[in-house]
Amino acid sequence: MEDSLLDLIFLSEKRKNILLLLLEGPKDINTIKKALKASATSVQPQIKMLKEKHLVIQDKDVYRLSEIGKIIAEKMKPLLDTLFVLEEVVDYWADRDVSRIPQFLLRRIGEIGHFITVEPQIEHMFEMIPEYVKNAEKAKKFETLISYFHPLFPSFYLGLAKKGASVSLILPESILKRWVEEDYREYTREFLKMENTRVMVCKECEKTFTVVAADNFMAMSLFPKEGTFDRKFVISFEPGALAWAKELYNCYEQNSKQIENIESYVSK
């Protein structure tokens, strides 16, 4: 029985990578060898098989995708990107509640690309996560939906704004009420008075997720399906991830209301 296209592509890492490489544009054999870190003798038989299945066309010394090859490679890439994201820490994704992420973005979760996971160490459980702080302090534009209360947040985000960053916060109503408690009220008032800040309240954001859409990184922390919230963050620096996080943030910003002062949220 003749091999199926599925077997042809996915049973060989080299053939799969050749298709993805040629999706970027035509390449000669030397460029393909260098990109795949492989010899000509190991690459050329794989190209020959792709040519026989009409997925790759050879023009003199240059190889390019056929129309059929282009269709297949364009469909492959989102699937492979998604598998890459999910398999990096499959237990994390399986354990988390992703139901509040809009379906059209959940289907494109592969756009996050390579990421790291960070969480507070036991000896620093009540501090902010150093990796998060380091990248936030480098941002010039910082937008975030915050789904939980941390006593250092009001002063921290005020500090970002004072350094000149544009800072926009979306807070669930229950979290905003914590920010206007006596210990944090003046930080919040001062934050709202600044020209480079915005605070929005979202009534539909209770126990959702935390997402950061900054100009230099994205971060996301999801609630577990069961158990205690652990502040474990996914952080990525890839352009696709930043754009994905911005779309996610925008979805919730559209359903949020900007506030000018905190007086109506202060308990009498």
C-alpha atoms as a PDB file:
ATOM      1  CA  MET A   1       0.000   0.000   0.000  1.00  0.00           C
ATOM      2  CA  GLU A   2       1.260   3.483  -0.910  1.00  0.00           C
ATOM      3  CA  ASP A   3       2.181   5.724   1.994  1.00  0.00           C
ATOM      4  CA  SER A   4      -0.429   8.356   2.825  1.00  0.00           C
ATOM      5  CA  LEU A   5       0.489  12.036   2.832  1.00  0.00           C
ATOM      6  CA  LEU A   6       0.005  11.985   6.600  1.00  0.00           C
ATOM      7  CA  ASP A   7       2.631   9.263   6.978  1.00  0.00           C
ATOM      8  CA  LEU A   8       4.921  10.940   4.460  1.00  0.00           C
ATOM      9  CA  ILE A   9       4.964  14.193   6.430  1.00  0.00           C
ATOM     10  CA  PHE A  10       4.681  13.194  10.069  1.00  0.00           C
ATOM     11  CA  LEU A  11       6.784  10.028  10.103  1.00  0.00           C
ATOM     12  CA  SER A  12       9.862  12.033   9.210  1.00  0.00           C
ATOM     13  CA  GLU A  13      11.064  15.028  11.187  1.00  0.00           C
ATOM     14  CA  LYS A  14      13.211  16.103   8.226  1.00  0.00           C
ATOM     15  CA  ARG A  15      10.369  16.052   5.700  1.00  0.00           C
ATOM     16  CA  LYS A  16       8.141  17.976   8.080  1.00  0.00           C
ATOM     17  CA  ASN A  17      10.849  20.566   8.695  1.00  0.00           C
ATOM     18  CA  ILE A  18      11.618  20.909   4.979  1.00  0.00           C
ATOM     19  CA  LEU A  19       7.978  21.795   4.292  1.00  0.00           C
ATOM     20  CA  LEU A  20       7.920  24.341   7.122  1.00  0.00           C
ATOM     21  CA  LEU A  21      11.215  25.824   5.954  1.00  0.00           C
ATOM     22  CA  LEU A  22      10.002  26.173   2.357  1.00  0.00           C
ATOM     23  CA  LEU A  23       6.838  27.813   3.649  1.00  0.00           C
ATOM     24  CA  GLU A  24       9.115  30.807   4.358  1.00  0.00           C
ATOM     25  CA  GLY A  25      10.115  30.877   0.669  1.00  0.00           C
ATOM     26  CA  PRO A  26      12.231  29.033  -1.936  1.00  0.00           C
ATOM     27  CA  LYS A  27      15.603  27.718  -0.724  1.00  0.00           C
ATOM     28  CA  ASP A  28      18.658  26.098  -2.290  1.00  0.00           C
ATOM     29  CA  ILE A  29      20.091  22.862  -0.936  1.00  0.00           C
ATOM     30  CA  ASN A  30      22.860  24.591   1.029  1.00  0.00           C
ATOM     31  CA  THR A  31      20.358  26.788   2.855  1.00  0.00           C
ATOM     32  CA  ILE A  32      18.187  23.754   3.623  1.00  0.00           C
ATOM     33  CA  LYS A  33      21.185  21.773   4.910  1.00  0.00           C
ATOM     34  CA  LYS A  34      22.282  24.641   7.127  1.00  0.00           C
ATOM     35  CA  ALA A  35      18.786  25.254   8.544  1.00  0.00           C
ATOM     36  CA  LEU A  36      18.239  21.560   9.286  1.00  0.00           C
ATOM     37  CA  LYS A  37      21.844  21.020  10.449  1.00  0.00           C
ATOM     38  CA  ALA A  38      21.994  17.975   8.195  1.00  0.00           C
ATOM     39  CA  SER A  39      24.124  16.640   5.343  1.00  0.00           C
ATOM     40  CA  ALA A  40      23.088  16.634   1.687  1.00  0.00           C
ATOM     41  CA  THR A  41      22.965  12.827   1.692  1.00  0.00           C
ATOM     42  CA  SER A  42      20.368  12.837   4.492  1.00  0.00           C
ATOM     43  CA  VAL A  43      18.289  15.720   3.097  1.00  0.00           C
ATOM     44  CA  GLN A  44      18.113  14.943  -0.623  1.00  0.00           C
ATOM     45  CA  PRO A  45      16.248  11.599  -0.313  1.00  0.00           C
ATOM     46  CA  GLN A  46      13.577  13.359   1.782  1.00  0.00           C
ATOM     47  CA  ILE A  47      13.227  16.138  -0.808  1.00  0.00           C
ATOM     48  CA  LYS A  48      12.952  13.477  -3.536  1.00  0.00           C
ATOM     49  CA  MET A  49      10.011  11.857  -1.705  1.00  0.00           C
ATOM     50  CA  LEU A  50       8.278  15.238  -1.328  1.00  0.00           C
ATOM     51  CA  LYS A  51       8.824  15.928  -5.032  1.00  0.00           C
ATOM     52  CA  GLU A  52       7.344  12.536  -5.959  1.00  0.00           C
ATOM     53  CA  LYS A  53       4.197  13.448  -4.002  1.00  0.00           C
ATOM     54  CA  HIS A  54       4.041  16.832  -5.786  1.00  0.00           C
ATOM     55  CA  LEU A  55       4.548  18.801  -2.573  1.00  0.00           C
ATOM     56  CA  VAL A  56       7.888  20.306  -3.614  1.00  0.00           C
ATOM     57  CA  ILE A  57       9.029  21.627  -6.993  1.00  0.00           C
ATOM     58  CA  GLN A  58      12.653  21.983  -8.105  1.00  0.00           C
ATOM     59  CA  ASP A  59      13.648  24.933 -10.295  1.00  0.00           C
ATOM     60  CA  LYS A  60      17.306  24.317 -11.208  1.00  0.00           C
ATOM     61  CA  ASP A  61      19.098  24.483  -7.810  1.00  0.00           C
ATOM     62  CA  VAL A  62      16.173  25.969  -5.888  1.00  0.00           C
ATOM     63  CA  TYR A  63      13.319  24.148  -4.164  1.00  0.00           C
ATOM     64  CA  ARG A  64       9.884  25.614  -3.494  1.00  0.00           C
ATOM     65  CA  LEU A  65       6.480  24.398  -2.365  1.00  0.00           C
ATOM     66  CA  SER A  66       3.907  23.443  -4.952  1.00  0.00           C
ATOM     67  CA  GLU A  67       0.415  24.856  -4.549  1.00  0.00           C
ATOM     68  CA  ILE A  68      -0.603  21.621  -2.828  1.00  0.00           C
ATOM     69  CA  GLY A  69       2.511  21.723  -0.652  1.00  0.00           C
ATOM     70  CA  LYS A  70       1.770  25.288   0.347  1.00  0.00           C
ATOM     71  CA  ILE A  71      -1.799  24.419   1.382  1.00  0.00           C
ATOM     72  CA  ILE A  72      -0.572  21.507   3.497  1.00  0.00           C
ATOM     73  CA  ALA A  73       2.297  23.435   5.113  1.00  0.00           C
ATOM     74  CA  GLU A  74       0.041  26.395   5.939  1.00  0.00           C
ATOM     75  CA  LYS A  75      -2.383  24.030   7.705  1.00  0.00           C
ATOM     76  CA  MET A  76       0.426  22.130   9.450  1.00  0.00           C
ATOM     77  CA  LYS A  77       2.040  25.122  11.101  1.00  0.00           C
ATOM     78  CA  PRO A  78      -0.834  26.122  13.478  1.00  0.00           C
ATOM     79  CA  LEU A  79      -1.259  22.478  14.529  1.00  0.00           C
ATOM     80  CA  LEU A  80       2.445  22.025  15.227  1.00  0.00           C
ATOM     81  CA  ASP A  81       2.638  25.363  17.045  1.00  0.00           C
ATOM     82  CA  THR A  82      -0.297  24.327  19.241  1.00  0.00           C
ATOM     83  CA  LEU A  83       1.244  20.939  20.014  1.00  0.00           C
ATOM     84  CA  PHE A  84       4.545  22.661  20.854  1.00  0.00           C
ATOM     85  CA  VAL A  85       2.859  24.991  23.365  1.00  0.00           C
ATOM     86  CA  LEU A  86       0.735  22.297  24.982  1.00  0.00           C
ATOM     87  CA  GLU A  87       3.370  19.581  25.232  1.00  0.00           C
ATOM     88  CA  GLU A  88       5.998  21.835  26.846  1.00  0.00           C
ATOM     89  CA  VAL A  89       4.104  21.636  30.152  1.00  0.00           C
ATOM     90  CA  VAL A  90       1.128  19.430  29.362  1.00  0.00           C
ATOM     91  CA  ASP A  91       0.258  18.936  33.051  1.00  0.00           C
ATOM     92  CA  TYR A  92      -0.047  22.701  33.538  1.00  0.00           C
ATOM     93  CA  TRP A  93      -2.555  23.151  30.692  1.00  0.00           C
ATOM     94  CA  ALA A  94      -4.529  20.047  31.671  1.00  0.00           C
ATOM     95  CA  ASP A  95      -4.877  21.320  35.248  1.00  0.00           C
ATOM     96  CA  ARG A  96      -5.940  24.901  34.370  1.00  0.00           C
ATOM     97  CA  ASP A  97      -9.306  26.465  33.698  1.00  0.00           C
ATOM     98  CA  VAL A  98      -9.124  27.867  30.164  1.00  0.00           C
ATOM     99  CA  SER A  99     -12.887  28.317  29.805  1.00  0.00           C
ATOM    100  CA  ARG A 100     -12.677  32.113  30.126  1.00  0.00           C
ATOM    101  CA  ILE A 101     -10.358  32.432  27.130  1.00  0.00           C
ATOM    102  CA  PRO A 102     -12.511  33.162  24.038  1.00  0.00           C
ATOM    103  CA  GLN A 103     -12.685  30.153  21.725  1.00  0.00           C
ATOM    104  CA  PHE A 104     -11.184  31.973  18.743  1.00  0.00           C
ATOM    105  CA  LEU A 105      -8.062  32.730  20.815  1.00  0.00           C
ATOM    106  CA  LEU A 106      -7.953  29.308  22.451  1.00  0.00           C
ATOM    107  CA  ARG A 107      -7.811  27.778  18.970  1.00  0.00           C
ATOM    108  CA  ARG A 108      -4.776  29.992  18.290  1.00  0.00           C
ATOM    109  CA  ILE A 109      -2.945  29.244  21.532  1.00  0.00           C
ATOM    110  CA  GLY A 110      -0.008  27.983  19.482  1.00  0.00           C
ATOM    111  CA  GLU A 111       0.813  31.628  18.748  1.00  0.00           C
ATOM    112  CA  ILE A 112       2.276  31.875  22.266  1.00  0.00           C
ATOM    113  CA  GLY A 113       5.265  29.926  20.947  1.00  0.00           C
ATOM    114  CA  HIS A 114       8.176  29.265  23.270  1.00  0.00           C
ATOM    115  CA  PHE A 115       7.520  30.250  26.876  1.00  0.00           C
ATOM    116  CA  ILE A 116       8.786  29.798  30.396  1.00  0.00           C
ATOM    117  CA  THR A 117       6.788  29.137  33.553  1.00  0.00           C
ATOM    118  CA  VAL A 118       7.540  30.967  36.785  1.00  0.00           C
ATOM    119  CA  GLU A 119       6.018  30.767  40.232  1.00  0.00           C
ATOM    120  CA  PRO A 120       6.817  32.120  43.705  1.00  0.00           C
ATOM    121  CA  GLN A 121       9.322  30.114  45.686  1.00  0.00           C
ATOM    122  CA  ILE A 122       8.260  28.987  49.167  1.00  0.00           C
ATOM    123  CA  GLU A 123      10.735  31.305  50.882  1.00  0.00           C
ATOM    124  CA  HIS A 124       9.345  34.255  48.855  1.00  0.00           C
ATOM    125  CA  MET A 125       5.691  33.254  48.801  1.00  0.00           C
ATOM    126  CA  PHE A 126       4.389  36.723  49.730  1.00  0.00           C
ATOM    127  CA  GLU A 127       6.657  38.666  47.399  1.00  0.00           C
ATOM    128  CA  MET A 128       6.155  39.399  43.731  1.00  0.00           C
ATOM    129  CA  ILE A 129       7.822  37.004  41.279  1.00  0.00           C
ATOM    130  CA  PRO A 130      11.270  38.409  40.341  1.00  0.00           C
ATOM    131  CA  GLU A 131      11.028  37.429  36.631  1.00  0.00           C
ATOM    132  CA  TYR A 132       7.665  39.185  36.379  1.00  0.00           C
ATOM    133  CA  VAL A 133       8.942  42.308  38.165  1.00  0.00           C
ATOM    134  CA  LYS A 134      12.113  42.504  36.056  1.00  0.00           C
ATOM    135  CA  ASN A 135      10.216  42.475  32.753  1.00  0.00           C
ATOM    136  CA  ALA A 136       7.386  44.724  33.946  1.00  0.00           C
ATOM    137  CA  GLU A 137       9.912  47.380  34.971  1.00  0.00           C
ATOM    138  CA  LYS A 138      11.340  47.402  31.434  1.00  0.00           C
ATOM    139  CA  ALA A 139       7.949  47.942  29.756  1.00  0.00           C
ATOM    140  CA  LYS A 140       7.000  51.267  28.197  1.00  0.00           C
ATOM    141  CA  LYS A 141       3.403  50.166  27.676  1.00  0.00           C
ATOM    142  CA  PHE A 142       1.805  47.816  30.181  1.00  0.00           C
ATOM    143  CA  GLU A 143      -1.785  46.558  30.065  1.00  0.00           C
ATOM    144  CA  THR A 144      -3.107  43.903  32.394  1.00  0.00           C
ATOM    145  CA  LEU A 145      -6.249  42.198  33.591  1.00  0.00           C
ATOM    146  CA  ILE A 146      -5.636  41.286  37.246  1.00  0.00           C
ATOM    147  CA  SER A 147      -7.763  38.506  38.674  1.00  0.00           C
ATOM    148  CA  TYR A 148      -6.385  38.349  42.225  1.00  0.00           C
ATOM    149  CA  PHE A 149      -5.294  40.693  45.000  1.00  0.00           C
ATOM    150  CA  HIS A 150      -1.684  41.118  46.051  1.00  0.00           C
ATOM    151  CA  PRO A 151      -0.831  43.731  48.733  1.00  0.00           C
ATOM    152  CA  LEU A 152       2.182  44.942  46.717  1.00  0.00           C
ATOM    153  CA  PHE A 153       0.264  45.538  43.470  1.00  0.00           C
ATOM    154  CA  PRO A 154      -1.100  49.061  44.149  1.00  0.00           C
ATOM    155  CA  SER A 155       2.328  50.502  44.966  1.00  0.00           C
ATOM    156  CA  PHE A 156       4.088  48.455  42.275  1.00  0.00           C
ATOM    157  CA  TYR A 157       1.903  49.608  39.375  1.00  0.00           C
ATOM    158  CA  LEU A 158       2.033  53.173  40.671  1.00  0.00           C
ATOM    159  CA  GLY A 159       5.821  52.838  40.572  1.00  0.00           C
ATOM    160  CA  LEU A 160       5.723  51.714  36.925  1.00  0.00           C
ATOM    161  CA  ALA A 161       3.637  54.750  36.016  1.00  0.00           C
ATOM    162  CA  LYS A 162       5.958  57.105  37.891  1.00  0.00           C
ATOM    163  CA  LYS A 163       8.857  55.774  35.805  1.00  0.00           C
ATOM    164  CA  GLY A 164       6.977  56.890  32.686  1.00  0.00           C
ATOM    165  CA  ALA A 165       5.287  53.712  31.509  1.00  0.00           C
ATOM    166  CA  SER A 166       1.742  53.851  30.165  1.00  0.00           C
ATOM    167  CA  VAL A 167      -0.183  51.564  32.531  1.00  0.00           C
ATOM    168  CA  SER A 168      -3.755  50.303  32.075  1.00  0.00           C
ATOM    169  CA  LEU A 169      -5.406  48.024  34.620  1.00  0.00           C
ATOM    170  CA  ILE A 170      -8.616  46.010  34.418  1.00  0.00           C
ATOM    171  CA  LEU A 171      -9.841  44.938  37.847  1.00  0.00           C
ATOM    172  CA  PRO A 172     -12.823  42.830  38.856  1.00  0.00           C
ATOM    173  CA  GLU A 173     -15.074  44.830  41.184  1.00  0.00           C
ATOM    174  CA  SER A 174     -14.151  42.684  44.184  1.00  0.00           C
ATOM    175  CA  ILE A 175     -10.427  43.339  43.593  1.00  0.00           C
ATOM    176  CA  LEU A 176     -10.971  47.070  43.079  1.00  0.00           C
ATOM    177  CA  LYS A 177     -12.692  47.202  46.473  1.00  0.00           C
ATOM    178  CA  ARG A 178      -9.507  45.795  48.032  1.00  0.00           C
ATOM    179  CA  TRP A 179      -7.420  48.457  46.268  1.00  0.00           C
ATOM    180  CA  VAL A 180      -9.470  51.207  47.885  1.00  0.00           C
ATOM    181  CA  GLU A 181      -9.140  49.852  51.426  1.00  0.00           C
ATOM    182  CA  GLU A 182      -7.396  52.212  53.802  1.00  0.00           C
ATOM    183  CA  ASP A 183      -3.925  50.649  53.464  1.00  0.00           C
ATOM    184  CA  TYR A 184      -3.894  51.011  49.651  1.00  0.00           C
ATOM    185  CA  ARG A 185      -6.286  53.911  49.013  1.00  0.00           C
ATOM    186  CA  GLU A 186      -3.721  56.667  48.545  1.00  0.00           C
ATOM    187  CA  TYR A 187      -1.712  54.587  46.069  1.00  0.00           C
ATOM    188  CA  THR A 188      -4.887  54.055  44.041  1.00  0.00           C
ATOM    189  CA  ARG A 189      -5.916  57.706  44.202  1.00  0.00           C
ATOM    190  CA  GLU A 190      -2.472  58.854  43.078  1.00  0.00           C
ATOM    191  CA  PHE A 191      -2.450  56.283  40.276  1.00  0.00           C
ATOM    192  CA  LEU A 192      -5.791  57.549  38.932  1.00  0.00           C
ATOM    193  CA  LYS A 193      -4.614  61.163  38.894  1.00  0.00           C
ATOM    194  CA  MET A 194      -1.741  60.454  36.524  1.00  0.00           C
ATOM    195  CA  GLU A 195      -2.043  61.176  32.791  1.00  0.00           C
ATOM    196  CA  ASN A 196      -0.414  57.912  31.707  1.00  0.00           C
ATOM    197  CA  THR A 197      -2.718  55.581  33.658  1.00  0.00           C
ATOM    198  CA  ARG A 198      -6.176  54.038  33.353  1.00  0.00           C
ATOM    199  CA  VAL A 199      -8.212  51.850  35.690  1.00  0.00           C
ATOM    200  CA  MET A 200     -11.213  49.925  34.423  1.00  0.00           C
ATOM    201  CA  VAL A 201     -13.653  47.849  36.395  1.00  0.00           C
ATOM    202  CA  CYS A 202     -15.006  44.622  34.917  1.00  0.00           C
ATOM    203  CA  LYS A 203     -18.076  42.996  36.414  1.00  0.00           C
ATOM    204  CA  GLU A 204     -17.619  39.876  34.270  1.00  0.00           C
ATOM    205  CA  CYS A 205     -14.022  39.223  35.332  1.00  0.00           C
ATOM    206  CA  GLU A 206     -14.492  37.577  38.713  1.00  0.00           C
ATOM    207  CA  LYS A 207     -12.202  34.562  39.053  1.00  0.00           C
ATOM    208  CA  THR A 208     -11.073  34.760  35.471  1.00  0.00           C
ATOM    209  CA  PHE A 209      -7.347  34.726  34.606  1.00  0.00           C
ATOM    210  CA  THR A 210      -4.552  37.276  34.840  1.00  0.00           C
ATOM    211  CA  VAL A 211      -3.041  38.389  31.557  1.00  0.00           C
ATOM    212  CA  VAL A 212      -0.327  40.940  30.838  1.00  0.00           C
ATOM    213  CA  ALA A 213      -0.027  42.508  27.389  1.00  0.00           C
ATOM    214  CA  ALA A 214       3.124  44.632  27.528  1.00  0.00           C
ATOM    215  CA  ASP A 215       5.297  45.886  24.699  1.00  0.00           C
ATOM    216  CA  ASN A 216       8.184  43.633  25.741  1.00  0.00           C
ATOM    217  CA  PHE A 217       6.556  40.463  27.109  1.00  0.00           C
ATOM    218  CA  MET A 218       3.290  38.712  27.795  1.00  0.00           C
ATOM    219  CA  ALA A 219       2.317  36.797  30.906  1.00  0.00           C
ATOM    220  CA  MET A 220      -0.703  34.748  31.891  1.00  0.00           C
ATOM    221  CA  SER A 221      -1.768  33.037  35.076  1.00  0.00           C
ATOM    222  CA  LEU A 222      -4.740  30.672  35.019  1.00  0.00           C
ATOM    223  CA  PHE A 223      -6.753  29.407  37.953  1.00  0.00           C
ATOM    224  CA  PRO A 224      -6.502  25.655  38.579  1.00  0.00           C
ATOM    225  CA  LYS A 225      -9.646  23.642  37.876  1.00  0.00           C
ATOM    226  CA  GLU A 226      -9.368  22.414  41.447  1.00  0.00           C
ATOM    227  CA  GLY A 227      -7.215  23.344  44.412  1.00  0.00           C
ATOM    228  CA  THR A 228      -5.529  26.551  45.496  1.00  0.00           C
ATOM    229  CA  PHE A 229      -4.462  29.364  43.188  1.00  0.00           C
ATOM    230  CA  ASP A 230      -0.656  29.199  42.964  1.00  0.00           C
ATOM    231  CA  ARG A 231       0.304  32.313  40.927  1.00  0.00           C
ATOM    232  CA  LYS A 232       2.112  30.192  38.353  1.00  0.00           C
ATOM    233  CA  PHE A 233       2.725  32.317  35.241  1.00  0.00           C
ATOM    234  CA  VAL A 234       3.398  31.519  31.620  1.00  0.00           C
ATOM    235  CA  ILE A 235       5.766  34.181  30.208  1.00  0.00           C
ATOM    236  CA  SER A 236       6.687  34.634  26.554  1.00  0.00           C
ATOM    237  CA  PHE A 237       8.707  37.213  24.626  1.00  0.00           C
ATOM    238  CA  GLU A 238       7.760  36.160  21.096  1.00  0.00           C
ATOM    239  CA  PRO A 239       6.018  38.737  18.869  1.00  0.00           C
ATOM    240  CA  GLY A 240       3.133  36.346  18.178  1.00  0.00           C
ATOM    241  CA  ALA A 241       2.591  35.849  21.905  1.00  0.00           C
ATOM    242  CA  LEU A 242       2.526  39.601  22.544  1.00  0.00           C
ATOM    243  CA  ALA A 243      -0.081  40.087  19.813  1.00  0.00           C
ATOM    244  CA  TRP A 244      -2.155  37.142  21.136  1.00  0.00           C
ATOM    245  CA  ALA A 245      -2.127  38.542  24.688  1.00  0.00           C
ATOM    246  CA  LYS A 246      -3.105  41.994  23.406  1.00  0.00           C
ATOM    247  CA  GLU A 247      -6.154  40.511  21.663  1.00  0.00           C
ATOM    248  CA  LEU A 248      -7.101  38.675  24.857  1.00  0.00           C
ATOM    249  CA  TYR A 249      -6.733  41.840  26.932  1.00  0.00           C
ATOM    250  CA  ASN A 250      -8.803  43.821  24.398  1.00  0.00           C
ATOM    251  CA  CYS A 251     -11.670  41.304  24.629  1.00  0.00           C
ATOM    252  CA  TYR A 252     -12.088  42.115  28.318  1.00  0.00           C
ATOM    253  CA  GLU A 253     -11.356  45.819  27.994  1.00  0.00           C
ATOM    254  CA  GLN A 254     -14.380  46.116  25.680  1.00  0.00           C
ATOM    255  CA  ASN A 255     -16.590  44.885  28.533  1.00  0.00           C
ATOM    256  CA  SER A 256     -14.999  47.107  31.176  1.00  0.00           C
ATOM    257  CA  LYS A 257     -15.809  50.611  32.365  1.00  0.00           C
ATOM    258  CA  GLN A 258     -13.130  53.202  33.022  1.00  0.00           C
ATOM    259  CA  ILE A 259     -13.331  54.917  36.392  1.00  0.00           C
ATOM    260  CA  GLU A 260     -12.182  58.445  37.191  1.00  0.00           C
ATOM    261  CA  ASN A 261     -12.214  58.227  40.991  1.00  0.00           C
ATOM    262  CA  ILE A 262     -12.646  55.622  43.710  1.00  0.00           C
ATOM    263  CA  GLU A 263     -15.168  57.331  45.963  1.00  0.00           C
ATOM    264  CA  SER A 264     -18.125  55.138  45.021  1.00  0.00           C
ATOM    265  CA  TYR A 265     -16.066  52.031  45.862  1.00  0.00           C
ATOM    266  CA  VAL A 266     -14.891  53.210  49.279  1.00  0.00           C
ATOM    267  CA  SER A 267     -16.831  51.576  52.102  1.00  0.00           C
ATOM    268  CA  LYS A 268     -18.652  54.119  54.205  1.00  0.00           C
END
